Protein backbone atom coordinates (compact mmCIF):
# COMPACT_ATOMS: atom_id res chain seq x y z
CA MET A 1 0.04 0.03 0.02
CA SER A 2 1.68 3.32 -1.14
CA ARG A 3 1.09 6.49 0.46
CA THR A 4 0.90 9.75 -1.57
CA SER A 5 2.09 13.07 -0.10
CA SER A 6 -1.30 14.53 -0.81
CA GLY A 7 -3.12 12.10 1.49
CA PRO A 8 -3.32 12.47 5.23
CA GLU A 9 -0.87 10.53 7.44
CA TRP A 10 -2.49 8.07 9.63
CA SER A 11 -2.64 8.75 13.40
CA GLY A 12 -4.70 7.22 16.28
CA ASP A 13 -6.48 10.51 17.14
CA MET A 14 -8.50 10.02 13.76
CA LEU A 15 -10.75 7.62 15.51
CA THR A 16 -11.62 9.81 18.58
CA LYS A 17 -14.93 11.02 17.49
CA PRO A 18 -18.03 8.78 17.05
CA GLU A 19 -18.78 10.09 13.48
CA MET A 20 -15.20 9.28 12.45
CA VAL A 21 -15.44 5.63 13.64
CA GLU A 22 -18.94 5.39 12.13
CA ALA A 23 -17.78 6.65 8.71
CA PHE A 24 -14.56 4.41 8.97
CA SER A 25 -16.52 1.19 9.76
CA THR A 26 -19.16 1.98 7.13
CA GLN A 27 -16.46 2.61 4.45
CA LEU A 28 -14.58 -0.57 5.60
CA ARG A 29 -17.72 -2.54 5.54
CA GLY A 30 -18.39 -1.55 1.87
CA VAL A 31 -14.96 -2.35 0.83
CA LEU A 32 -15.14 -5.77 2.48
CA LYS A 33 -18.61 -6.46 1.07
CA SER A 34 -17.38 -5.58 -2.46
CA GLN A 35 -14.28 -7.78 -2.15
CA ALA A 36 -16.50 -10.78 -0.79
CA GLN A 37 -18.71 -10.21 -3.94
CA PHE A 38 -15.73 -10.19 -6.17
CA VAL A 39 -14.43 -13.48 -4.73
CA ALA A 40 -18.01 -15.00 -4.98
CA ASP A 41 -18.11 -14.06 -8.63
CA VAL A 42 -14.77 -15.65 -9.42
CA ARG A 43 -15.81 -18.70 -7.41
CA GLN A 44 -19.11 -18.99 -9.38
CA GLU A 45 -17.29 -18.68 -12.59
CA ALA A 46 -14.58 -21.21 -11.50
CA GLU A 47 -17.28 -23.62 -10.66
CA ALA A 48 -19.17 -23.24 -13.80
CA MET A 49 -16.05 -23.50 -15.85
CA TRP A 50 -14.92 -26.76 -14.01
CA LYS A 51 -18.28 -28.29 -14.49
CA ALA A 52 -18.52 -27.38 -18.09
CA ASN A 53 -14.98 -28.24 -19.09
CA ARG A 54 -14.14 -31.25 -16.94
CA PRO A 55 -10.70 -32.58 -17.99
CA ASP A 56 -10.57 -35.95 -19.77
CA GLY A 57 -8.71 -38.81 -18.03
CA TYR A 58 -10.02 -38.03 -14.52
CA SER A 59 -12.21 -40.39 -12.85
CA SER A 60 -15.40 -38.86 -11.31
CA PHE A 61 -13.86 -38.95 -7.76
CA GLU A 62 -10.66 -37.35 -8.88
CA ALA A 63 -12.54 -34.62 -10.78
CA TRP A 64 -14.69 -33.85 -7.81
CA TRP A 65 -11.60 -33.92 -5.52
CA ARG A 66 -9.75 -31.53 -7.72
CA HIS A 67 -12.81 -29.30 -8.13
CA ARG A 68 -13.14 -29.14 -4.36
CA TRP A 69 -9.44 -28.46 -3.95
CA VAL A 70 -9.59 -25.60 -6.17
CA VAL A 71 -12.80 -24.08 -5.26
CA GLY A 72 -12.53 -24.52 -1.56
CA PRO A 73 -10.16 -21.64 -0.88
CA PHE A 74 -12.50 -19.24 -2.66
CA ARG A 75 -15.29 -20.25 -0.35
CA GLU A 76 -13.14 -19.81 2.68
CA ILE A 77 -11.86 -16.48 1.47
CA GLN A 78 -15.37 -15.29 0.93
CA GLU A 79 -16.52 -16.51 4.24
CA HIS A 80 -13.76 -14.63 6.03
CA LEU A 81 -14.46 -11.42 4.20
CA GLU A 82 -18.18 -11.58 5.08
CA GLU A 83 -17.23 -12.26 8.74
CA ALA A 84 -14.83 -9.30 8.70
CA ALA A 85 -17.70 -7.13 7.28
CA LYS A 86 -19.80 -8.35 10.24
CA LEU A 87 -17.05 -7.44 12.77
CA THR A 88 -17.16 -3.73 11.74
CA PHE A 89 -20.56 -3.62 13.60
CA ASP A 90 -18.60 -4.95 16.75
CA LEU A 91 -16.05 -2.19 16.15
CA GLU A 92 -18.62 0.56 16.27
CA ALA A 93 -20.42 -0.87 19.26
CA ARG A 94 -17.23 -1.38 21.26
CA TYR A 95 -16.00 1.99 20.49
CA ARG A 96 -19.40 3.71 21.54
CA LYS A 97 -19.58 1.56 24.67
CA GLY A 98 -15.84 1.95 25.63
CA ARG A 99 -15.39 5.63 24.83
CA HIS A 100 -18.86 7.22 25.57
CA GLU A 101 -21.38 5.02 27.46
CA ILE A 102 -18.95 3.58 30.20
CA PRO A 103 -17.18 6.79 30.95
CA ALA A 104 -20.49 8.75 31.04
CA ALA A 105 -21.86 6.24 33.33
CA ARG A 106 -18.75 6.48 35.66
CA GLN A 107 -18.93 10.22 35.52
CA ALA A 108 -22.57 10.21 36.42
CA ALA A 109 -21.87 7.86 39.38
CA ALA A 110 -19.03 9.96 40.58
CA LEU A 111 -21.12 13.01 40.38
CA GLU A 112 -23.81 11.45 42.24
CA LYS A 113 -21.38 10.31 45.03
CA LYS A 114 -19.97 13.78 45.14
CA GLN A 115 -23.31 15.35 45.53
CA ALA A 116 -24.25 12.84 48.21
CA LYS A 117 -21.29 13.71 50.21
CA GLN A 118 -21.99 17.56 49.78
CA ALA A 119 -25.62 17.27 50.51
CA PRO A 120 -27.08 17.37 54.13
CA GLN A 121 -28.18 14.03 55.43
CA VAL A 122 -31.80 15.12 55.65
CA THR A 123 -33.31 16.61 52.41
CA ALA A 124 -36.68 18.16 52.14
CA GLY A 125 -36.97 18.11 48.45
CA GLY A 126 -36.29 15.80 45.63
CA THR A 127 -32.76 14.54 44.89
CA ALA A 128 -30.41 15.83 42.07
CA VAL A 129 -30.79 13.98 38.91
CA PRO A 130 -27.39 12.78 37.41
CA PRO A 131 -26.69 13.81 33.91
CA LYS A 132 -27.71 11.35 31.23
CA PRO A 133 -24.92 9.39 29.40
CA VAL A 134 -23.56 11.14 26.38
CA GLU A 135 -25.18 9.91 23.21
CA PRO A 136 -22.70 9.66 20.24
CA PRO A 137 -23.72 12.49 17.79
CA THR A 138 -25.07 11.35 14.48
CA ALA A 139 -23.96 13.01 11.30
CA GLY A 140 -26.46 15.38 9.70
CA ALA A 141 -27.87 15.14 6.28
CA GLY A 142 -25.20 17.55 4.84
CA ALA A 143 -22.21 16.06 6.70
CA PRO A 144 -19.72 14.00 4.78
CA ARG A 145 -20.03 10.22 5.46
CA ASP A 146 -16.56 9.24 4.02
CA PHE A 147 -13.95 8.64 6.52
CA LEU A 148 -11.16 10.45 4.50
CA GLU A 149 -13.28 13.44 3.89
CA LEU A 150 -13.91 13.77 7.70
CA VAL A 151 -10.12 13.44 8.30
CA ASN A 152 -9.39 16.15 5.70
CA ARG A 153 -12.11 18.47 7.15
CA GLU A 154 -10.69 17.86 10.71
CA ARG A 155 -7.20 18.64 9.47
CA SER A 156 -8.24 21.75 7.73
CA ALA A 157 -10.17 23.09 10.61
């Protein structure tokens, strides 16, 4: 993979915002799905060619075995690509939970504990409501959904 001087350099802080992670995983999912479809098309053509042009001199078992031996890796590669595309949803969920939901819950619990220490033991009114966990912002209709566009916009700001 070659890098051009016009493209942004990779750094870990590119994935610090939820919209960046969402755009990255969406774009990665699209690439993985298109590659899985490409492998599926090659596999389908390879299977059809083999069935239509079975070599002479092979027994039916040997022909089946060689067909399986050639087509099997295509199937495995396709399955791995499809599984990788599914894992991008885990990437988003883990990021959202680890970077936003858990810290917000901890912050709310710490604030509640702090307020309980500061408040008098007997209260006449209602209790203070801890802040709600921070929801990850969703990109608006006009916001770019491409990861690299978000990175470029972030760098230019």
